[in-house]
Protein backbone atom coordinates (compact mmCIF):
# COMPACT_ATOMS: atom_id res chain seq x y z
CA ARG A 1 0.00 0.00 0.00
CA LEU A 2 2.83 2.43 0.81
CA VAL A 3 4.41 1.82 -2.59
CA SER A 4 1.07 2.49 -4.25
CA ILE A 5 0.75 5.81 -2.39
CA MET A 6 4.27 6.80 -3.47
CA GLN A 7 3.48 6.00 -7.10
CA GLN A 8 0.31 8.11 -6.90
CA CYS A 9 2.37 11.04 -5.60
CA TRP A 10 4.28 11.06 -8.90
CA HIS A 11 1.16 11.09 -11.05
CA THR A 12 1.14 13.78 -13.76
CA LYS A 13 -2.41 14.80 -12.95
CA GLU A 14 -2.58 16.84 -9.77
CA VAL A 15 -6.14 15.78 -8.94
CA THR A 16 -5.14 12.12 -8.74
CA ARG A 17 -2.32 12.72 -6.26
CA PRO A 18 -3.11 11.78 -2.66
CA THR A 19 -3.61 14.42 -0.01
CA LEU A 20 -1.13 14.90 2.81
CA HIS A 21 -3.61 13.40 5.28
CA LYS A 22 -3.94 10.28 3.10
CA ILE A 23 -0.16 9.91 2.96
CA ILE A 24 0.13 10.23 6.75
CA ASP A 25 -2.64 7.68 7.21
CA ALA A 26 -0.84 5.22 4.90
CA VAL A 27 2.43 5.66 6.80
CA HIS A 28 0.72 5.09 10.13
CA ARG A 29 -1.00 1.98 8.79
CA GLU A 30 2.35 0.63 7.62
CA PHE A 31 4.49 1.51 10.63
CA GLY A 32 1.89 2.08 13.34
CA ASN A 33 0.75 5.29 15.07
CA ASP A 34 3.90 5.43 17.16
CA ALA A 35 6.06 6.01 14.09
CA LYS A 36 6.61 9.65 14.97
CA GLY A 37 10.34 9.30 14.77
CA THR A 38 10.62 7.39 11.51
CA LEU A 39 12.46 8.84 8.51
CA VAL A 40 9.25 9.06 6.49
CA ASP A 41 7.48 10.94 9.27
CA GLN A 42 10.38 13.36 9.50
CA MET A 43 10.22 13.97 5.77
CA ILE A 44 6.50 14.71 5.99
CA SER A 45 7.17 17.10 8.87
CA MET A 46 9.85 18.86 6.80
CA ILE A 47 7.40 19.21 3.90
CA ASP A 48 4.86 20.78 6.25
CA GLU A 49 7.46 23.20 7.59
CA TYR A 50 8.68 24.11 4.11
CA SER A 51 5.10 24.76 2.98
CA ALA A 52 4.50 27.09 5.94
CA ASN A 53 7.78 28.94 5.33
CA LEU A 54 6.97 29.28 1.64
CA GLU A 55 3.66 30.95 2.49
CA LYS A 56 5.47 33.43 4.74
CA ILE A 57 8.04 34.19 2.01
CA VAL A 58 5.29 34.80 -0.55
CA GLU A 59 3.43 37.04 1.89
CA LYS A 60 6.59 39.05 2.63
CA ARG A 61 7.41 39.47 -1.07
CA THR A 62 3.85 40.60 -1.75
CA GLU A 63 4.12 43.25 0.97
CA GLU A 64 7.43 44.47 -0.49
CA ILE A 65 5.86 44.76 -3.95
CA GLU A 66 2.93 46.74 -2.52
CA GLU A 67 5.32 49.09 -0.69
CA LEU A 68 7.33 49.64 -3.88
CA LYS A 69 4.11 50.30 -5.79
CA GLU A 70 3.04 52.89 -3.21
CA LYS A 71 6.44 54.63 -3.39
CA THR A 72 6.23 54.74 -7.19
CA GLU A 73 2.72 56.18 -7.07
CA ARG A 74 3.73 58.83 -4.53
CA LEU A 75 6.64 59.88 -6.75
CA LEU A 76 4.34 60.03 -9.78
CA TYR A 77 1.78 62.14 -7.92
CA GLN A 78 4.52 64.60 -6.93
CA ILE A 79 5.42 65.46 -10.51
CA MET A 80 1.97 65.55 -12.10
CA PRO A 81 -1.70 65.81 -11.09
CA LYS A 82 -3.17 62.60 -9.71
CA SER A 83 -5.84 62.41 -12.42
CA VAL A 84 -3.14 62.56 -15.12
CA ALA A 85 -0.95 60.03 -13.31
CA LEU A 86 -3.85 57.56 -13.08
CA GLU A 87 -4.46 57.84 -16.82
CA LEU A 88 -0.80 57.12 -17.54
CA ARG A 89 -0.70 54.21 -15.11
CA GLU A 90 -3.70 52.61 -16.82
CA GLY A 91 -1.99 52.99 -20.19
CA ARG A 92 -4.58 55.44 -21.53
CA PRO A 93 -3.53 58.44 -23.67
CA VAL A 94 -3.61 61.82 -21.92
CA ARG A 95 -5.08 64.49 -24.15
CA PRO A 96 -4.02 68.15 -23.87
CA SER A 97 -6.40 70.16 -21.68
CA MET A 98 -7.31 73.80 -21.19
CA HIS A 99 -7.71 75.11 -17.65
CA PRO A 100 -9.60 78.41 -17.30
CA SER A 101 -8.26 79.40 -13.89
CA VAL A 102 -5.00 78.26 -12.31
CA SER A 103 -2.20 79.92 -10.34
CA VAL A 104 1.48 79.67 -11.23
CA LEU A 105 4.51 80.32 -9.02
CA PHE A 106 8.09 80.88 -10.21
CA ALA A 107 10.95 80.95 -7.71
CA ASP A 108 14.50 81.94 -8.73
CA VAL A 109 17.75 82.11 -6.78
CA CYS A 110 19.17 85.63 -6.74
CA GLN A 111 22.69 86.16 -8.12
CA PHE A 112 22.77 82.57 -9.28
CA THR A 113 25.32 83.28 -12.04
CA GLN A 114 27.76 84.82 -9.55
CA LEU A 115 27.30 81.85 -7.20
CA CYS A 116 28.11 79.48 -10.06
CA GLU A 117 31.25 81.43 -10.93
CA GLN A 118 32.44 81.23 -7.31
CA SER A 119 31.61 77.55 -6.79
CA ILE A 120 32.37 74.20 -8.38
CA PRO A 121 29.48 72.33 -10.09
CA VAL A 122 29.15 69.73 -7.33
CA GLN A 123 28.70 72.49 -4.73
CA ILE A 124 25.96 74.09 -6.83
CA ILE A 125 24.13 70.78 -7.12
CA LEU A 126 24.34 70.19 -3.36
CA MET A 127 23.14 73.74 -2.69
CA LEU A 128 20.11 73.49 -4.99
CA ASN A 129 19.28 69.97 -3.84
CA LEU A 130 19.12 71.08 -0.20
CA LEU A 131 17.01 74.12 -1.10
CA TYR A 132 14.58 72.44 -3.48
CA SER A 133 14.19 69.29 -1.39
CA LYS A 134 12.77 71.52 1.35
CA PHE A 135 10.60 73.31 -1.22
CA ASP A 136 9.32 69.89 -2.33
CA ASN A 137 8.41 69.03 1.26
CA ILE A 138 6.51 72.30 1.58
CA VAL A 139 4.59 71.76 -1.67
CA GLU A 140 3.66 68.20 -0.61
CA SER A 141 1.51 69.59 2.19
CA TYR A 142 -0.69 71.35 -0.39
CA SER A 143 -2.60 70.16 -3.44
CA ALA A 144 -0.22 72.03 -5.77
CA PHE A 145 2.54 70.18 -7.58
CA LYS A 146 5.97 70.96 -8.94
CA VAL A 147 6.09 71.04 -12.72
CA GLU A 148 9.86 71.21 -13.10
CA ASN A 149 13.26 72.53 -12.08
CA VAL A 150 15.30 74.22 -14.80
CA GLY A 151 18.63 75.29 -13.33
CA ASP A 152 17.75 77.60 -10.46
CA ALA A 153 14.11 78.08 -11.57
CA TYR A 154 11.42 76.29 -9.56
CA LEU A 155 7.94 76.14 -11.11
CA ILE A 156 4.75 74.98 -9.39
CA VAL A 157 1.11 75.06 -10.47
CA SER A 158 -2.09 74.92 -8.42
CA GLY A 159 -5.60 74.46 -9.79
CA ILE A 160 -5.18 71.31 -11.90
CA PRO A 161 -7.64 69.67 -11.63
CA GLU A 162 -9.96 72.61 -11.12
CA MET A 163 -10.42 74.06 -7.61
CA GLU A 164 -13.46 75.98 -6.39
CA ASP A 165 -13.42 79.59 -5.14
CA ARG A 166 -9.93 80.19 -6.56
CA SER A 167 -8.39 78.27 -3.67
CA HIS A 168 -5.38 77.75 -5.94
CA LEU A 169 -4.48 81.45 -5.63
CA CYS A 170 -4.64 81.29 -1.85
CA GLU A 171 -2.54 78.15 -1.96
CA VAL A 172 0.34 79.55 -4.05
CA CYS A 173 0.41 82.66 -1.84
CA GLN A 174 0.81 80.48 1.25
CA ILE A 175 3.52 78.43 -0.47
CA ALA A 176 5.37 81.57 -1.57
CA LEU A 177 5.37 82.94 1.98
CA HIS A 178 6.51 79.57 3.31
CA PHE A 179 9.39 79.52 0.80
CA GLN A 180 10.38 83.05 1.77
CA LYS A 181 10.36 82.29 5.50
CA TYR A 182 12.45 79.12 5.08
CA VAL A 183 15.11 80.85 2.98
CA HIS A 184 15.26 83.90 5.26
CA ASP A 185 15.18 82.14 8.64
CA THR A 186 16.66 78.67 8.15
CA TYR A 187 18.48 77.94 4.92
CA LYS A 188 22.28 78.11 4.76
CA ILE A 189 24.44 77.44 1.71
CA PRO A 190 26.48 74.33 2.61
CA HIS A 191 29.80 75.54 1.18
CA ARG A 192 29.25 79.24 1.95
CA PRO A 193 27.30 79.48 5.23
CA GLU A 194 28.29 83.13 5.67
CA HIS A 195 26.50 84.09 2.41
CA LYS A 196 22.80 84.89 2.83
CA LEU A 197 20.81 83.37 0.01
CA LYS A 198 17.80 85.24 -1.37
CA ILE A 199 15.09 84.18 -3.78
CA LYS A 200 12.69 86.05 -6.06
CA VAL A 201 9.14 84.75 -6.36
CA GLY A 202 6.59 85.63 -9.03
CA LEU A 203 2.85 84.83 -9.00
CA HIS A 204 0.12 85.07 -11.63
CA THR A 205 -3.36 83.65 -12.15
CA GLY A 206 -5.04 82.86 -15.45
CA ALA A 207 -5.76 80.22 -18.06
CA LEU A 208 -3.24 77.75 -19.44
CA ALA A 209 -2.95 74.49 -21.35
CA SER A 210 -1.42 71.29 -19.98
CA GLY A 211 -0.38 67.99 -21.49
CA ILE A 212 2.07 65.12 -21.53
CA LEU A 213 5.16 65.32 -23.74
CA GLY A 214 7.02 62.18 -24.76
CA SER A 215 6.28 58.49 -24.39
CA THR A 216 9.49 56.85 -23.12
CA ALA A 217 9.93 59.37 -20.31
CA PRO A 218 6.67 61.35 -20.28
CA ARG A 219 6.73 64.81 -18.73
CA PHE A 220 3.81 66.91 -17.61
CA CYS A 221 4.12 70.42 -19.07
CA VAL A 222 2.12 73.64 -18.96
CA PHE A 223 1.93 76.30 -21.67
CA GLY A 224 0.36 79.68 -22.16
CA ASP A 225 0.63 83.37 -21.41
CA THR A 226 -0.12 82.73 -17.73
CA VAL A 227 3.16 80.84 -17.41
CA ASN A 228 5.05 83.60 -19.22
CA VAL A 229 3.61 86.35 -17.00
CA ALA A 230 4.39 84.41 -13.82
CA SER A 231 7.96 84.01 -15.07
CA ARG A 232 8.20 87.75 -15.74
CA MET A 233 6.86 88.47 -12.24
CA GLY A 234 9.74 86.40 -10.90
CA SER A 235 12.45 87.88 -13.09
CA THR A 236 11.46 91.52 -12.40
CA CYS A 237 11.01 90.92 -8.68
CA GLU A 238 13.37 92.39 -6.08
CA PRO A 239 15.57 89.95 -4.10
CA GLY A 240 13.85 88.47 -1.08
CA ARG A 241 10.37 89.58 -2.15
CA ILE A 242 7.20 88.12 -3.70
CA GLN A 243 5.70 89.94 -6.68
CA MET A 244 2.29 89.27 -8.18
CA SER A 245 0.49 90.56 -11.22
CA GLU A 246 -2.37 93.05 -11.02
CA THR A 247 -4.78 90.31 -12.09
CA ALA A 248 -3.72 88.07 -9.21
CA ALA A 249 -3.84 90.99 -6.75
CA ILE A 250 -7.39 91.96 -7.76
CA LEU A 251 -8.62 88.39 -7.41
CA LEU A 252 -6.84 88.02 -4.08
CA LYS A 253 -8.50 91.18 -2.74
CA SER A 254 -11.88 90.06 -4.06
CA ASP A 255 -11.87 86.47 -2.81
CA PHE A 256 -9.54 86.69 0.22
CA GLU A 257 -9.90 90.32 1.29
CA HIS A 258 -8.64 89.96 4.86
CA ARG A 259 -6.54 86.82 4.41
CA PHE A 260 -3.40 88.43 2.97
CA VAL A 261 -1.62 91.77 3.13
CA ILE A 262 -0.52 93.10 -0.25
CA GLN A 263 1.05 96.39 -1.29
CA GLU A 264 1.12 98.09 -4.67
CA ARG A 265 4.62 98.29 -6.09
CA GLY A 266 3.83 100.56 -9.02
CA ILE A 267 4.58 100.39 -12.73
CA VAL A 268 7.09 97.80 -13.90
CA ASN A 269 8.25 97.35 -17.48
CA VAL A 270 7.49 93.69 -18.24
CA LYS A 271 9.05 92.07 -21.30
CA GLY A 272 6.40 91.38 -23.92
CA LYS A 273 3.75 93.27 -21.93
CA GLY A 274 5.12 96.77 -21.51
CA PRO A 275 4.37 98.88 -18.42
CA CYS A 276 2.34 96.85 -15.88
CA THR A 277 1.14 97.54 -12.36
CA THR A 278 2.40 94.91 -9.94
CA PHE A 279 1.97 94.20 -6.24
CA TRP A 280 4.03 92.84 -3.35
CA LEU A 281 2.72 89.97 -1.27
CA ILE A 282 3.68 90.98 2.26
CA LYS A 283 2.20 88.43 4.68
CA GLU A 284 -0.80 86.31 5.57
CA GLY A 285 -3.31 87.59 8.11
C-alpha cells in the first residue's frame, strides 16, 4: 500500500495525487501510530514546515511589492496631477487640456550666475538639492505640484484639476510665503554658510494648457501666457520679495480680502507686456 501511495504522488495529474492526510494515514497503517520518529514521518514534517515557510516568504514578497508600488505612485503624484498620473498608469492616452483658472509660481535664486562662478558644479548641485528638497516638502503639504526645475528656476502650479473659489491662488500665496520664510530664517548654503541666500518669487493667475510630452519618459508640461507672465513676475522681482500681477492681486482682494496683506509696487516694465502695475505679497493675516 505504501508503494502504491508513493506512485500516486508522482502522477502527472494533480487531482489524482493523494492528499497529505492520506499519505500520513498510509504511513501510520504501515508503521503504526507510534512512528513519529521514523524517517518518512520526519520527511512529511519537513514538507509541512517548508510549505509554511513558503507561504510566509510569498506574503513578505507581496508586501514588499505593494510598498514599492506605493512609493512609485507617490513619486508620480509629486510630478503631475493625480488624475493625469492615473491615466498614464492605466496605459490610456492623456489628451491636452485647457484650464480656465490656475495659479502659477516661479521661484528663482538671486545672483545665481555669480554663485556658479564662485563655486564648483558639485557644490551648486548640493546647494540646490538642499534648497529644493525643502521646497518639495513644503509643496507636498498642499494640493499644488511641482512642474519642473530648470537650473535655479522652480515652477509649481495649483488648480489642476480645477479648484473651487480660486483656492489655488490662496494656496500659491501660502507656499510663496513659506518659501520666503524658510530661505530667510533657516536655509544656509552648505559651502558658503556666511552668504545669505535670497530668492525672487513671481505669481500670476489665469488660463493655461497642460499635457504630456514624450512616451518613453513622459513629462507633464504647462503652456500659455499665464506661465510667461508668472515668469516675468519672478524675473522683475526684487531679491527676497514676492511679486504678483495686477490680475492676481485683484482676485486676491476680491476672494480673500482679509486673508493676505498686499502692497502696490507701481509700474514695472514687463518684457512682452510693456508697463504693468504689480503688487508685493507681504504676509498672511
